[in-house]
């Protein structure tokens, strides 16, 4: 699973904020 920097950041944010 390859994510761009933007996607990775967004995913991390989503995981931190339900």
C-alpha atoms as a PDB file:
ATOM      1  CA  UNK A   1       0.000   0.000   0.000  1.00  0.00           C
ATOM      2  CA  UNK A   2       1.711   3.141  -1.246  1.00  0.00           C
ATOM      3  CA  UNK A   3       0.392   6.481  -0.075  1.00  0.00           C
ATOM      4  CA  UNK A   4       1.481   9.952  -1.009  1.00  0.00           C
ATOM      5  CA  UNK A   5       2.645  12.333   1.682  1.00  0.00           C
ATOM      6  CA  UNK A   6      -0.704  14.115   1.577  1.00  0.00           C
ATOM      7  CA  UNK A   7      -2.716  10.892   1.782  1.00  0.00           C
ATOM      8  CA  UNK A   8      -0.508   9.552   4.560  1.00  0.00           C
ATOM      9  CA  UNK A   9      -1.005  12.736   6.559  1.00  0.00           C
ATOM     10  CA  UNK A  10      -4.763  12.681   6.000  1.00  0.00           C
ATOM     11  CA  UNK A  11      -4.943   9.032   7.033  1.00  0.00           C
ATOM     12  CA  UNK A  12      -2.953   9.692  10.190  1.00  0.00           C
ATOM     13  CA  UNK A  13      -5.253  12.583  11.014  1.00  0.00           C
ATOM     14  CA  UNK A  14      -8.341  10.446  10.419  1.00  0.00           C
ATOM     15  CA  UNK A  15      -6.978   7.696  12.654  1.00  0.00           C
ATOM     16  CA  UNK A  16      -6.264  10.218  15.408  1.00  0.00           C
ATOM     17  CA  UNK A  17      -9.668  11.855  15.060  1.00  0.00           C
ATOM     18  CA  UNK A  18     -12.609   9.461  14.809  1.00  0.00           C
END
